[in-house]
C-alpha atoms as a PDB file:
ATOM      1  CA  MET A   1     -17.649  23.629  -3.315  1.00  0.00           C
ATOM      2  CA  SER A   2     -14.673  24.228  -5.622  1.00  0.00           C
ATOM      3  CA  SER A   3     -14.792  23.143  -9.157  1.00  0.00           C
ATOM      4  CA  LYS A   4     -13.625  19.642  -9.991  1.00  0.00           C
ATOM      5  CA  THR A   5     -10.363  21.211 -11.659  1.00  0.00           C
ATOM      6  CA  ASP A   6      -9.203  23.618  -9.502  1.00  0.00           C
ATOM      7  CA  LEU A   7      -9.866  21.780  -6.416  1.00  0.00           C
ATOM      8  CA  LEU A   8      -6.415  21.297  -4.266  1.00  0.00           C
ATOM      9  CA  THR A   9      -6.311  18.894  -2.007  1.00  0.00           C
ATOM     10  CA  LEU A  10      -3.499  18.360   0.775  1.00  0.00           C
ATOM     11  CA  GLY A  11      -2.816  14.762   1.568  1.00  0.00           C
ATOM     12  CA  ILE A  12      -0.828  13.434   4.599  1.00  0.00           C
ATOM     13  CA  GLU A  13       0.241   9.674   5.294  1.00  0.00           C
ATOM     14  CA  THR A  14       1.764   8.464   8.335  1.00  0.00           C
ATOM     15  CA  SER A  15       0.477   5.435   8.728  1.00  0.00           C
ATOM     16  CA  CYS A  16       3.683   3.348   9.449  1.00  0.00           C
ATOM     17  CA  ASP A  17       7.502   4.878   8.930  1.00  0.00           C
ATOM     18  CA  GLU A  18       6.748   6.900   5.914  1.00  0.00           C
ATOM     19  CA  THR A  19       5.840  10.616   6.119  1.00  0.00           C
ATOM     20  CA  SER A  20       4.504  12.010   3.098  1.00  0.00           C
ATOM     21  CA  VAL A  21       2.801  15.045   2.155  1.00  0.00           C
ATOM     22  CA  ALA A  22       1.302  15.472  -1.358  1.00  0.00           C
ATOM     23  CA  VAL A  23      -1.037  18.130  -3.360  1.00  0.00           C
ATOM     24  CA  ILE A  24      -2.909  17.047  -6.404  1.00  0.00           C
ATOM     25  CA  ARG A  25      -4.894  19.587  -7.979  1.00  0.00           C
ATOM     26  CA  GLY A  26      -8.539  18.220  -9.074  1.00  0.00           C
ATOM     27  CA  GLU A  27      -8.714  14.429  -8.937  1.00  0.00           C
ATOM     28  CA  TYR A  28      -5.797  13.112 -11.154  1.00  0.00           C
ATOM     29  CA  GLU A  29      -2.953  15.911 -11.287  1.00  0.00           C
ATOM     30  CA  VAL A  30      -0.173  15.198  -8.965  1.00  0.00           C
ATOM     31  CA  LEU A  31       1.669  18.999  -8.215  1.00  0.00           C
ATOM     32  CA  ILE A  32       3.952  17.442  -5.620  1.00  0.00           C
ATOM     33  CA  ASN A  33       4.293  14.057  -3.484  1.00  0.00           C
ATOM     34  CA  SER A  34       6.998  14.249  -1.086  1.00  0.00           C
ATOM     35  CA  VAL A  35       7.973  11.389   0.906  1.00  0.00           C
ATOM     36  CA  TYR A  36      10.289  10.996   3.878  1.00  0.00           C
ATOM     37  CA  SER A  37      11.670   7.381   4.467  1.00  0.00           C
ATOM     38  CA  GLN A  38      12.396   6.316   7.881  1.00  0.00           C
ATOM     39  CA  VAL A  39      13.923   2.665   6.837  1.00  0.00           C
ATOM     40  CA  ASP A  40      17.431   3.772   7.823  1.00  0.00           C
ATOM     41  CA  LEU A  41      16.586   4.505  11.698  1.00  0.00           C
ATOM     42  CA  HIS A  42      14.280   1.494  11.757  1.00  0.00           C
ATOM     43  CA  ALA A  43      16.874  -1.024  10.157  1.00  0.00           C
ATOM     44  CA  LYS A  44      19.053  -1.608  13.592  1.00  0.00           C
ATOM     45  CA  TYR A  45      15.635  -2.730  15.117  1.00  0.00           C
ATOM     46  CA  GLY A  46      15.187  -5.351  12.560  1.00  0.00           C
ATOM     47  CA  GLY A  47      11.388  -3.428  11.992  1.00  0.00           C
ATOM     48  CA  VAL A  48       9.480  -0.520  12.662  1.00  0.00           C
ATOM     49  CA  VAL A  49       9.429   0.605  15.901  1.00  0.00           C
ATOM     50  CA  PRO A  50       6.211   2.576  16.633  1.00  0.00           C
ATOM     51  CA  GLU A  51       7.611   4.930  18.886  1.00  0.00           C
ATOM     52  CA  VAL A  52      10.297   5.829  17.182  1.00  0.00           C
ATOM     53  CA  ALA A  53       8.200   6.219  13.813  1.00  0.00           C
ATOM     54  CA  SER A  54       5.788   8.291  15.873  1.00  0.00           C
ATOM     55  CA  ARG A  55       8.294  10.824  17.151  1.00  0.00           C
ATOM     56  CA  ASN A  56       9.836  11.206  13.810  1.00  0.00           C
ATOM     57  CA  HIS A  57       6.538  11.917  12.100  1.00  0.00           C
ATOM     58  CA  VAL A  58       6.333  14.984  14.858  1.00  0.00           C
ATOM     59  CA  VAL A  59       9.396  16.486  13.654  1.00  0.00           C
ATOM     60  CA  LYS A  60       9.147  15.732   9.760  1.00  0.00           C
ATOM     61  CA  LEU A  61       5.698  16.222   8.890  1.00  0.00           C
ATOM     62  CA  PRO A  62       5.360  19.777   9.353  1.00  0.00           C
ATOM     63  CA  TYR A  63       8.677  20.507   7.525  1.00  0.00           C
ATOM     64  CA  LEU A  64       7.194  18.473   4.510  1.00  0.00           C
ATOM     65  CA  VAL A  65       3.975  20.714   4.568  1.00  0.00           C
ATOM     66  CA  GLN A  66       5.798  23.776   4.173  1.00  0.00           C
ATOM     67  CA  GLU A  67       8.207  22.684   1.865  1.00  0.00           C
ATOM     68  CA  ALA A  68       5.627  21.360  -0.600  1.00  0.00           C
ATOM     69  CA  MET A  69       3.426  24.884  -0.019  1.00  0.00           C
ATOM     70  CA  GLN A  70       6.969  26.804  -0.833  1.00  0.00           C
ATOM     71  CA  SER A  71       7.888  24.488  -3.780  1.00  0.00           C
ATOM     72  CA  LEU A  72       4.828  25.177  -5.061  1.00  0.00           C
ATOM     73  CA  LYS A  73       4.810  28.716  -5.016  1.00  0.00           C
ATOM     74  CA  LEU A  74       1.307  28.458  -2.692  1.00  0.00           C
ATOM     75  CA  ARG A  75      -0.070  29.600   0.399  1.00  0.00           C
ATOM     76  CA  LEU A  76      -1.780  27.264   2.814  1.00  0.00           C
ATOM     77  CA  SER A  77      -4.883  29.425   2.376  1.00  0.00           C
ATOM     78  CA  GLU A  78      -5.341  28.134  -1.295  1.00  0.00           C
ATOM     79  CA  ILE A  79      -5.510  24.547   0.029  1.00  0.00           C
ATOM     80  CA  SER A  80      -9.679  23.784  -0.785  1.00  0.00           C
ATOM     81  CA  LEU A  81      -9.421  20.384   1.131  1.00  0.00           C
ATOM     82  CA  VAL A  82      -7.179  18.161   3.664  1.00  0.00           C
ATOM     83  CA  ALA A  83      -7.026  14.533   3.447  1.00  0.00           C
ATOM     84  CA  ALA A  84      -5.306  12.378   5.827  1.00  0.00           C
ATOM     85  CA  THR A  85      -4.905   8.535   6.610  1.00  0.00           C
ATOM     86  CA  TYR A  86      -6.721   7.288   9.737  1.00  0.00           C
ATOM     87  CA  GLY A  87      -6.547   3.853   9.468  1.00  0.00           C
ATOM     88  CA  PRO A  88      -5.603   0.546   9.486  1.00  0.00           C
ATOM     89  CA  GLY A  89      -1.872   1.527  10.367  1.00  0.00           C
ATOM     90  CA  LEU A  90      -0.137   1.769  13.753  1.00  0.00           C
ATOM     91  CA  VAL A  91      -1.584   3.907  16.286  1.00  0.00           C
ATOM     92  CA  GLY A  92       0.927   6.262  17.055  1.00  0.00           C
ATOM     93  CA  PRO A  93       1.950   7.396  13.605  1.00  0.00           C
ATOM     94  CA  LEU A  94      -1.791   7.322  12.660  1.00  0.00           C
ATOM     95  CA  LEU A  95      -2.566   9.943  15.253  1.00  0.00           C
ATOM     96  CA  VAL A  96       0.181  12.002  14.450  1.00  0.00           C
ATOM     97  CA  GLY A  97      -1.115  12.348  10.792  1.00  0.00           C
ATOM     98  CA  LEU A  98      -4.496  12.828  11.252  1.00  0.00           C
ATOM     99  CA  THR A  99      -4.320  15.302  14.468  1.00  0.00           C
ATOM    100  CA  HIS A 100      -2.094  17.706  11.955  1.00  0.00           C
ATOM    101  CA  GLY A 101      -4.421  17.388   8.991  1.00  0.00           C
ATOM    102  CA  LYS A 102      -7.785  17.877  11.459  1.00  0.00           C
ATOM    103  CA  GLY A 103      -5.700  21.100  12.852  1.00  0.00           C
ATOM    104  CA  LEU A 104      -4.709  22.230   9.153  1.00  0.00           C
ATOM    105  CA  ALA A 105      -8.355  22.161   7.967  1.00  0.00           C
ATOM    106  CA  TYR A 106      -9.789  23.568  11.659  1.00  0.00           C
ATOM    107  CA  GLY A 107      -7.469  26.534  11.083  1.00  0.00           C
ATOM    108  CA  LEU A 108      -8.123  26.982   7.397  1.00  0.00           C
ATOM    109  CA  GLY A 109     -11.565  26.471   7.616  1.00  0.00           C
ATOM    110  CA  ILE A 110     -11.852  24.160   5.161  1.00  0.00           C
ATOM    111  CA  PRO A 111     -13.109  20.361   4.709  1.00  0.00           C
ATOM    112  CA  PHE A 112     -11.238  16.966   5.791  1.00  0.00           C
ATOM    113  CA  ILE A 113     -11.582  13.649   4.871  1.00  0.00           C
ATOM    114  CA  GLY A 114     -10.171  10.956   6.808  1.00  0.00           C
ATOM    115  CA  VAL A 115      -9.059   7.985   4.416  1.00  0.00           C
ATOM    116  CA  ASN A 116      -8.797   4.337   4.864  1.00  0.00           C
ATOM    117  CA  HIS A 117      -5.179   3.541   3.910  1.00  0.00           C
ATOM    118  CA  LEU A 118      -6.332   0.639   1.786  1.00  0.00           C
ATOM    119  CA  GLU A 119      -8.751   2.807  -0.648  1.00  0.00           C
ATOM    120  CA  GLY A 120      -5.218   4.723  -0.878  1.00  0.00           C
ATOM    121  CA  HIS A 121      -3.611   1.988  -2.519  1.00  0.00           C
ATOM    122  CA  VAL A 122      -6.464   1.370  -4.775  1.00  0.00           C
ATOM    123  CA  PHE A 123      -6.699   5.079  -5.555  1.00  0.00           C
ATOM    124  CA  ALA A 124      -2.737   4.620  -6.581  1.00  0.00           C
ATOM    125  CA  HIS A 125      -3.686   2.715  -9.695  1.00  0.00           C
ATOM    126  CA  ARG A 126      -6.301   5.625 -10.729  1.00  0.00           C
ATOM    127  CA  LEU A 127      -3.856   8.033 -10.655  1.00  0.00           C
ATOM    128  CA  THR A 128      -1.474   6.649 -12.896  1.00  0.00           C
ATOM    129  CA  GLN A 129      -4.102   5.010 -15.138  1.00  0.00           C
ATOM    130  CA  PRO A 130      -7.405   7.179 -15.000  1.00  0.00           C
ATOM    131  CA  GLU A 131      -9.000   5.233 -17.955  1.00  0.00           C
ATOM    132  CA  VAL A 132      -9.106   2.012 -16.456  1.00  0.00           C
ATOM    133  CA  GLU A 133     -12.239   2.386 -14.510  1.00  0.00           C
ATOM    134  CA  PRO A 134     -14.098  -0.208 -12.253  1.00  0.00           C
ATOM    135  CA  PRO A 135     -15.145  -2.833 -12.072  1.00  0.00           C
ATOM    136  CA  PHE A 136     -11.648  -4.554 -11.697  1.00  0.00           C
ATOM    137  CA  MET A 137     -10.471  -6.962  -9.279  1.00  0.00           C
ATOM    138  CA  ALA A 138      -7.565  -5.220  -6.737  1.00  0.00           C
ATOM    139  CA  LEU A 139      -4.894  -7.027  -4.965  1.00  0.00           C
ATOM    140  CA  VAL A 140      -3.362  -4.914  -2.484  1.00  0.00           C
ATOM    141  CA  VAL A 141       0.257  -6.539  -1.414  1.00  0.00           C
ATOM    142  CA  SER A 142       2.867  -5.041   0.990  1.00  0.00           C
ATOM    143  CA  GLY A 143       4.481  -5.436   4.383  1.00  0.00           C
ATOM    144  CA  GLY A 144       1.011  -4.735   6.048  1.00  0.00           C
ATOM    145  CA  HIS A 145      -1.467  -6.078   3.797  1.00  0.00           C
ATOM    146  CA  THR A 146      -2.472  -8.772   1.225  1.00  0.00           C
ATOM    147  CA  SER A 147      -5.958  -8.528   0.580  1.00  0.00           C
ATOM    148  CA  LEU A 148      -8.032  -9.321  -2.764  1.00  0.00           C
ATOM    149  CA  ILE A 149     -10.729  -6.453  -3.369  1.00  0.00           C
ATOM    150  CA  ASP A 150     -13.365  -6.491  -5.707  1.00  0.00           C
ATOM    151  CA  VAL A 151     -14.128  -3.141  -6.919  1.00  0.00           C
ATOM    152  CA  PRO A 152     -17.364  -2.837  -8.867  1.00  0.00           C
ATOM    153  CA  GLN A 153     -17.307   1.017  -8.346  1.00  0.00           C
ATOM    154  CA  TYR A 154     -15.181   3.753  -6.687  1.00  0.00           C
ATOM    155  CA  GLY A 155     -16.346   4.166  -3.173  1.00  0.00           C
ATOM    156  CA  THR A 156     -17.810   0.697  -2.965  1.00  0.00           C
ATOM    157  CA  TYR A 157     -15.583  -2.624  -2.077  1.00  0.00           C
ATOM    158  CA  GLN A 158     -15.954  -6.058  -1.285  1.00  0.00           C
ATOM    159  CA  LEU A 159     -13.498  -7.964   0.474  1.00  0.00           C
ATOM    160  CA  VAL A 160     -12.715 -11.213  -1.419  1.00  0.00           C
ATOM    161  CA  GLY A 161      -9.656 -12.722   0.299  1.00  0.00           C
ATOM    162  CA  MET A 162      -6.770 -11.599   2.938  1.00  0.00           C
ATOM    163  CA  THR A 163      -3.875 -12.874   4.594  1.00  0.00           C
ATOM    164  CA  VAL A 164      -4.524 -14.885   8.195  1.00  0.00           C
ATOM    165  CA  ASP A 165      -1.384 -14.435   9.418  1.00  0.00           C
ATOM    166  CA  ASP A 166       1.646 -12.954   8.113  1.00  0.00           C
ATOM    167  CA  ALA A 167       1.373 -10.056   4.736  1.00  0.00           C
ATOM    168  CA  ALA A 168       3.291 -10.981   1.773  1.00  0.00           C
ATOM    169  CA  GLY A 169       5.636  -8.172   2.335  1.00  0.00           C
ATOM    170  CA  GLU A 170       6.182  -8.986   6.332  1.00  0.00           C
ATOM    171  CA  ALA A 171       7.306 -12.893   5.420  1.00  0.00           C
ATOM    172  CA  LEU A 172       9.836 -11.729   2.887  1.00  0.00           C
ATOM    173  CA  ASP A 173      11.023  -9.182   5.492  1.00  0.00           C
ATOM    174  CA  LYS A 174      11.362 -11.752   8.316  1.00  0.00           C
ATOM    175  CA  ILE A 175      12.989 -14.177   6.027  1.00  0.00           C
ATOM    176  CA  GLY A 176      15.338 -11.520   4.278  1.00  0.00           C
ATOM    177  CA  LYS A 177      16.013 -11.183   8.516  1.00  0.00           C
ATOM    178  CA  MET A 178      16.838 -14.768   8.918  1.00  0.00           C
ATOM    179  CA  MET A 179      19.287 -14.449   5.819  1.00  0.00           C
ATOM    180  CA  GLY A 180      21.080 -11.533   7.233  1.00  0.00           C
ATOM    181  CA  ILE A 181      20.036  -8.811   4.638  1.00  0.00           C
ATOM    182  CA  GLY A 182      18.511  -6.731   7.001  1.00  0.00           C
ATOM    183  CA  TYR A 183      15.636  -4.669   7.167  1.00  0.00           C
ATOM    184  CA  PRO A 184      13.572  -4.194   4.649  1.00  0.00           C
ATOM    185  CA  ALA A 185      14.484  -7.101   2.637  1.00  0.00           C
ATOM    186  CA  GLY A 186      12.127  -7.372  -0.032  1.00  0.00           C
ATOM    187  CA  ALA A 187      14.013  -5.010  -2.910  1.00  0.00           C
ATOM    188  CA  GLU A 188      16.991  -6.954  -2.422  1.00  0.00           C
ATOM    189  CA  ILE A 189      15.424 -10.449  -2.239  1.00  0.00           C
ATOM    190  CA  ASP A 190      13.818  -9.201  -5.579  1.00  0.00           C
ATOM    191  CA  ARG A 191      17.803  -8.892  -6.469  1.00  0.00           C
ATOM    192  CA  LEU A 192      19.047 -11.737  -5.494  1.00  0.00           C
ATOM    193  CA  ALA A 193      16.513 -14.123  -6.942  1.00  0.00           C
ATOM    194  CA  THR A 194      17.206 -12.474 -10.666  1.00  0.00           C
ATOM    195  CA  LEU A 195      20.349 -14.305  -9.859  1.00  0.00           C
ATOM    196  CA  GLY A 196      19.323 -17.803  -8.203  1.00  0.00           C
ATOM    197  CA  ASN A 197      17.600 -20.815  -9.444  1.00  0.00           C
ATOM    198  CA  PRO A 198      14.049 -20.705  -8.321  1.00  0.00           C
ATOM    199  CA  ASP A 199      13.807 -24.571  -8.377  1.00  0.00           C
ATOM    200  CA  THR A 200      16.531 -25.232  -5.649  1.00  0.00           C
ATOM    201  CA  VAL A 201      14.187 -25.449  -2.856  1.00  0.00           C
ATOM    202  CA  ARG A 202      10.643 -26.628  -3.528  1.00  0.00           C
ATOM    203  CA  PHE A 203       9.007 -24.242  -0.850  1.00  0.00           C
ATOM    204  CA  PRO A 204       5.441 -24.999   0.221  1.00  0.00           C
ATOM    205  CA  ARG A 205       2.419 -23.120  -1.126  1.00  0.00           C
ATOM    206  CA  PRO A 206       0.256 -22.528   1.921  1.00  0.00           C
ATOM    207  CA  MET A 207      -3.471 -22.682   1.082  1.00  0.00           C
ATOM    208  CA  ILE A 208      -2.718 -22.707  -2.838  1.00  0.00           C
ATOM    209  CA  GLY A 209      -5.286 -25.436  -3.413  1.00  0.00           C
ATOM    210  CA  SER A 210      -7.864 -23.835  -1.314  1.00  0.00           C
ATOM    211  CA  SER A 211     -11.144 -23.074  -2.846  1.00  0.00           C
ATOM    212  CA  SER A 212     -11.301 -19.640  -0.548  1.00  0.00           C
ATOM    213  CA  PHE A 213      -8.958 -16.791  -1.573  1.00  0.00           C
ATOM    214  CA  ASP A 214      -7.241 -15.797   1.758  1.00  0.00           C
ATOM    215  CA  PHE A 215      -3.537 -16.401   1.942  1.00  0.00           C
ATOM    216  CA  SER A 216      -1.054 -17.677   4.696  1.00  0.00           C
ATOM    217  CA  PHE A 217       3.225 -16.879   4.651  1.00  0.00           C
ATOM    218  CA  SER A 218       3.702 -18.290   8.029  1.00  0.00           C
ATOM    219  CA  GLY A 219       4.084 -21.843   6.546  1.00  0.00           C
ATOM    220  CA  LEU A 220       6.457 -20.656   4.490  1.00  0.00           C
ATOM    221  CA  LYS A 221       8.423 -18.634   6.756  1.00  0.00           C
ATOM    222  CA  THR A 222       8.624 -21.497   8.943  1.00  0.00           C
ATOM    223  CA  SER A 223       9.817 -23.581   6.437  1.00  0.00           C
ATOM    224  CA  VAL A 224      12.582 -21.372   5.452  1.00  0.00           C
ATOM    225  CA  VAL A 225      13.995 -21.169   8.928  1.00  0.00           C
ATOM    226  CA  TYR A 226      14.295 -24.911   9.090  1.00  0.00           C
ATOM    227  CA  HIS A 227      15.742 -25.437   5.432  1.00  0.00           C
ATOM    228  CA  LEU A 228      18.244 -22.522   6.700  1.00  0.00           C
ATOM    229  CA  LYS A 229      19.213 -24.468   9.753  1.00  0.00           C
ATOM    230  CA  LYS A 230      19.677 -27.611   7.894  1.00  0.00           C
ATOM    231  CA  ASN A 231      21.541 -25.929   4.604  1.00  0.00           C
ATOM    232  CA  PRO A 232      23.710 -22.709   6.447  1.00  0.00           C
ATOM    233  CA  ARG A 233      25.747 -22.824   3.124  1.00  0.00           C
ATOM    234  CA  GLU A 234      22.737 -22.573   0.475  1.00  0.00           C
ATOM    235  CA  ARG A 235      23.225 -19.602  -1.753  1.00  0.00           C
ATOM    236  CA  PRO A 236      21.701 -16.807  -0.851  1.00  0.00           C
ATOM    237  CA  GLU A 237      20.294 -16.229  -4.644  1.00  0.00           C
ATOM    238  CA  ASP A 238      18.970 -19.758  -4.640  1.00  0.00           C
ATOM    239  CA  ILE A 239      17.112 -19.065  -1.344  1.00  0.00           C
ATOM    240  CA  ALA A 240      15.477 -16.090  -2.549  1.00  0.00           C
ATOM    241  CA  ALA A 241      14.926 -17.253  -5.629  1.00  0.00           C
ATOM    242  CA  SER A 242      12.597 -19.951  -4.387  1.00  0.00           C
ATOM    243  CA  VAL A 243      11.355 -18.007  -1.899  1.00  0.00           C
ATOM    244  CA  LEU A 244      10.015 -15.852  -3.967  1.00  0.00           C
ATOM    245  CA  ALA A 245       8.685 -18.510  -6.558  1.00  0.00           C
ATOM    246  CA  SER A 246       6.410 -19.669  -3.746  1.00  0.00           C
ATOM    247  CA  VAL A 247       5.497 -16.064  -3.092  1.00  0.00           C
ATOM    248  CA  VAL A 248       4.627 -15.111  -6.385  1.00  0.00           C
ATOM    249  CA  GLU A 249       2.831 -18.305  -7.317  1.00  0.00           C
ATOM    250  CA  ILE A 250       0.640 -17.774  -4.543  1.00  0.00           C
ATOM    251  CA  LEU A 251      -0.544 -14.435  -5.378  1.00  0.00           C
ATOM    252  CA  THR A 252      -0.571 -15.017  -9.056  1.00  0.00           C
ATOM    253  CA  LYS A 253      -3.058 -17.994  -8.723  1.00  0.00           C
ATOM    254  CA  LYS A 254      -5.176 -16.777  -6.239  1.00  0.00           C
ATOM    255  CA  SER A 255      -5.614 -13.290  -7.869  1.00  0.00           C
ATOM    256  CA  ILE A 256      -6.103 -14.488 -11.436  1.00  0.00           C
ATOM    257  CA  GLU A 257      -8.485 -16.843 -10.368  1.00  0.00           C
ATOM    258  CA  ALA A 258     -10.424 -14.139  -8.048  1.00  0.00           C
ATOM    259  CA  ALA A 259     -10.649 -12.044 -11.474  1.00  0.00           C
ATOM    260  CA  ARG A 260     -12.027 -14.581 -13.223  1.00  0.00           C
ATOM    261  CA  ARG A 261     -14.321 -16.002 -10.808  1.00  0.00           C
ATOM    262  CA  PHE A 262     -15.483 -12.305 -10.300  1.00  0.00           C
ATOM    263  CA  HIS A 263     -15.946 -12.019 -14.318  1.00  0.00           C
ATOM    264  CA  ARG A 264     -13.485  -9.023 -13.988  1.00  0.00           C
ATOM    265  CA  LYS A 265     -11.527  -8.715 -17.236  1.00  0.00           C
ATOM    266  CA  HIS A 266      -9.099  -6.269 -15.404  1.00  0.00           C
ATOM    267  CA  LEU A 267      -6.724  -6.766 -12.150  1.00  0.00           C
ATOM    268  CA  ILE A 268      -4.770  -3.862 -10.918  1.00  0.00           C
ATOM    269  CA  VAL A 269      -2.023  -4.806  -8.340  1.00  0.00           C
ATOM    270  CA  THR A 270      -0.954  -2.330  -5.647  1.00  0.00           C
ATOM    271  CA  GLY A 271       1.186  -1.914  -2.230  1.00  0.00           C
ATOM    272  CA  GLY A 272       4.827  -2.015  -1.784  1.00  0.00           C
ATOM    273  CA  VAL A 273       5.212  -5.659  -3.026  1.00  0.00           C
ATOM    274  CA  ALA A 274       3.709  -4.856  -6.149  1.00  0.00           C
ATOM    275  CA  ALA A 275       6.913  -3.419  -7.183  1.00  0.00           C
ATOM    276  CA  ASN A 276       8.491  -6.642  -7.196  1.00  0.00           C
ATOM    277  CA  SER A 277       9.842  -7.389 -10.903  1.00  0.00           C
ATOM    278  CA  HIS A 278       9.168 -11.054 -10.333  1.00  0.00           C
ATOM    279  CA  LEU A 279       5.747 -10.458  -9.208  1.00  0.00           C
ATOM    280  CA  ARG A 280       5.110  -8.019 -12.361  1.00  0.00           C
ATOM    281  CA  GLU A 281       6.390 -10.356 -14.635  1.00  0.00           C
ATOM    282  CA  ALA A 282       4.346 -13.834 -13.273  1.00  0.00           C
ATOM    283  CA  LEU A 283       0.834 -11.758 -13.063  1.00  0.00           C
ATOM    284  CA  THR A 284       0.935 -10.058 -16.505  1.00  0.00           C
ATOM    285  CA  GLY A 285       1.958 -13.499 -18.185  1.00  0.00           C
ATOM    286  CA  ALA A 286      -0.524 -15.209 -16.226  1.00  0.00           C
ATOM    287  CA  GLY A 287      -3.345 -12.334 -17.078  1.00  0.00           C
ATOM    288  CA  LYS A 288      -2.591 -12.686 -20.665  1.00  0.00           C
ATOM    289  CA  GLU A 289      -3.060 -16.629 -20.847  1.00  0.00           C
ATOM    290  CA  ARG A 290      -6.179 -16.558 -18.735  1.00  0.00           C
ATOM    291  CA  GLY A 291      -7.936 -13.112 -20.559  1.00  0.00           C
ATOM    292  CA  VAL A 292      -7.049 -10.999 -17.621  1.00  0.00           C
ATOM    293  CA  GLN A 293      -5.622  -7.149 -17.936  1.00  0.00           C
ATOM    294  CA  VAL A 294      -2.894  -6.691 -15.183  1.00  0.00           C
ATOM    295  CA  SER A 295      -1.973  -3.452 -14.263  1.00  0.00           C
ATOM    296  CA  PHE A 296       0.580  -1.660 -11.740  1.00  0.00           C
ATOM    297  CA  PRO A 297       0.534   1.908 -10.574  1.00  0.00           C
ATOM    298  CA  THR A 298       4.406   3.477 -11.217  1.00  0.00           C
ATOM    299  CA  ARG A 299       6.733   2.393  -8.773  1.00  0.00           C
ATOM    300  CA  SER A 300       7.034   5.313  -6.454  1.00  0.00           C
ATOM    301  CA  LEU A 301       3.220   5.133  -6.239  1.00  0.00           C
ATOM    302  CA  CYS A 302       3.601   1.415  -5.008  1.00  0.00           C
ATOM    303  CA  THR A 303       4.812   2.619  -1.403  1.00  0.00           C
ATOM    304  CA  ASP A 304       2.844   4.664   0.941  1.00  0.00           C
ATOM    305  CA  ASN A 305       2.527   7.863  -0.132  1.00  0.00           C
ATOM    306  CA  ALA A 306       0.282  10.845   0.254  1.00  0.00           C
ATOM    307  CA  ALA A 307      -0.847  11.624  -3.269  1.00  0.00           C
ATOM    308  CA  MET A 308      -2.784   8.402  -3.265  1.00  0.00           C
ATOM    309  CA  ILE A 309      -4.571   9.635  -0.054  1.00  0.00           C
ATOM    310  CA  ALA A 310      -5.221  13.199  -1.448  1.00  0.00           C
ATOM    311  CA  ALA A 311      -6.732  11.094  -4.531  1.00  0.00           C
ATOM    312  CA  VAL A 312      -9.232   9.586  -2.079  1.00  0.00           C
ATOM    313  CA  GLY A 313     -10.112  12.732  -0.245  1.00  0.00           C
ATOM    314  CA  ALA A 314     -10.760  14.456  -3.765  1.00  0.00           C
ATOM    315  CA  PHE A 315     -12.829  11.710  -5.048  1.00  0.00           C
ATOM    316  CA  ARG A 316     -14.695  11.323  -1.966  1.00  0.00           C
ATOM    317  CA  HIS A 317     -15.440  15.372  -1.541  1.00  0.00           C
ATOM    318  CA  GLN A 318     -16.207  16.186  -5.006  1.00  0.00           C
ATOM    319  CA  GLN A 319     -18.052  12.887  -6.394  1.00  0.00           C
ATOM    320  CA  LEU A 320     -19.976  11.692  -3.298  1.00  0.00           C
ATOM    321  CA  GLY A 321     -19.912  15.277  -1.228  1.00  0.00           C
ATOM    322  CA  GLN A 322     -18.510  13.629   1.624  1.00  0.00           C
ATOM    323  CA  SER A 323     -16.214  15.110   4.700  1.00  0.00           C
ATOM    324  CA  HIS A 324     -15.121  13.740   8.450  1.00  0.00           C
ATOM    325  CA  PRO A 325     -16.245  15.766  11.305  1.00  0.00           C
ATOM    326  CA  LEU A 326     -12.723  16.931  13.065  1.00  0.00           C
ATOM    327  CA  SER A 327     -13.851  14.665  16.061  1.00  0.00           C
ATOM    328  CA  LEU A 328     -12.734  11.332  14.214  1.00  0.00           C
ATOM    329  CA  LYS A 329     -10.164   9.026  16.003  1.00  0.00           C
ATOM    330  CA  PRO A 330      -7.477   6.887  14.420  1.00  0.00           C
ATOM    331  CA  ASP A 331      -8.334   3.222  13.925  1.00  0.00           C
ATOM    332  CA  PRO A 332      -5.481   1.059  13.475  1.00  0.00           C
ATOM    333  CA  SER A 333      -7.735  -2.021  12.724  1.00  0.00           C
ATOM    334  CA  LEU A 334      -9.934  -0.277  10.213  1.00  0.00           C
ATOM    335  CA  SER A 335     -11.604  -2.334   7.725  1.00  0.00           C
ATOM    336  CA  LEU A 336     -13.032  -1.896   4.397  1.00  0.00           C
ATOM    337  CA  GLY A 337     -16.638  -2.211   5.660  1.00  0.00           C
ATOM    338  CA  ALA A 338     -15.877   1.331   7.311  1.00  0.00           C
ATOM    339  CA  LEU A 339     -15.419   3.321   4.200  1.00  0.00           C
ATOM    340  CA  ALA A 340     -18.736   4.854   4.107  1.00  0.00           C
ATOM    341  CA  ILE A 341     -18.405   8.497   5.381  1.00  0.00           C
ATOM    342  CA  GLU A 342     -21.539  10.769   6.185  1.00  0.00           C
ATOM    343  CA  GLY A 343     -21.817  13.382   3.850  1.00  0.00           C
END
């Protein structure tokens, strides 16, 4: 086994529509983190088309691996470990990255680690602020996930709450489509909201008064549909601000309360929606008021990327002595309870 400082891990992420390849040294040093976004390809469909995503992963992934090696002046034979996402996500895209990663590991005769995408998002924080160690509460909020996870230590997780329908980012994308913003809508809604009045419409805050830490955003989406039909001339800026006010209040209240309920002094927030400026401001402010320190990865590590996948692989191989058999199959519904890996 390589030493903790010289281990070179190649990470692969293809769970949805981003094709990403990264190389990290040790457990923290990101040497390269390349991300090819297929947003423009899927925008005309109003969302991700799995077959289109898969075909483009097939084309782009080998190129990104080769480009990473050339950029770092490395030979593939110098790689110590391969880590690839095997779930959750879209089965076709997952299969492309997983198969490529296992093939590289087999050809090079090196260990392979299959990575849970949700754990990857937790480790995006570790790459940004390694000094902030567990225990802490984690909010993973993106287009595919909205989950509260208690992290007593890395490698051990308890699902505290999750969405019962749409993820927060998914709801924002669907609302953006109704508004004529296009796909994806998150960044544009964030921008428009800065110019709007959040008190224009009091959209519902589903489950905000519930004793559980689960989330629901489909009711908000439905409410926006009816409002837009009745008020087609409402300023987009005001709609965006009012929608975000609802989403942000729900996420903020439940996340801070979960951290306090589990006696966690630190909350980390990660995933694509964690890049939202309104959410960052609200959570940081609420955390200060309630005695919870709130941290976010850099924005480039909030969205899907292979550096976070490589970081999980390096940790699990180095600290826990784990690896995966090459018979591993993609699991589009992979849960946090499936994180244990045979050594």
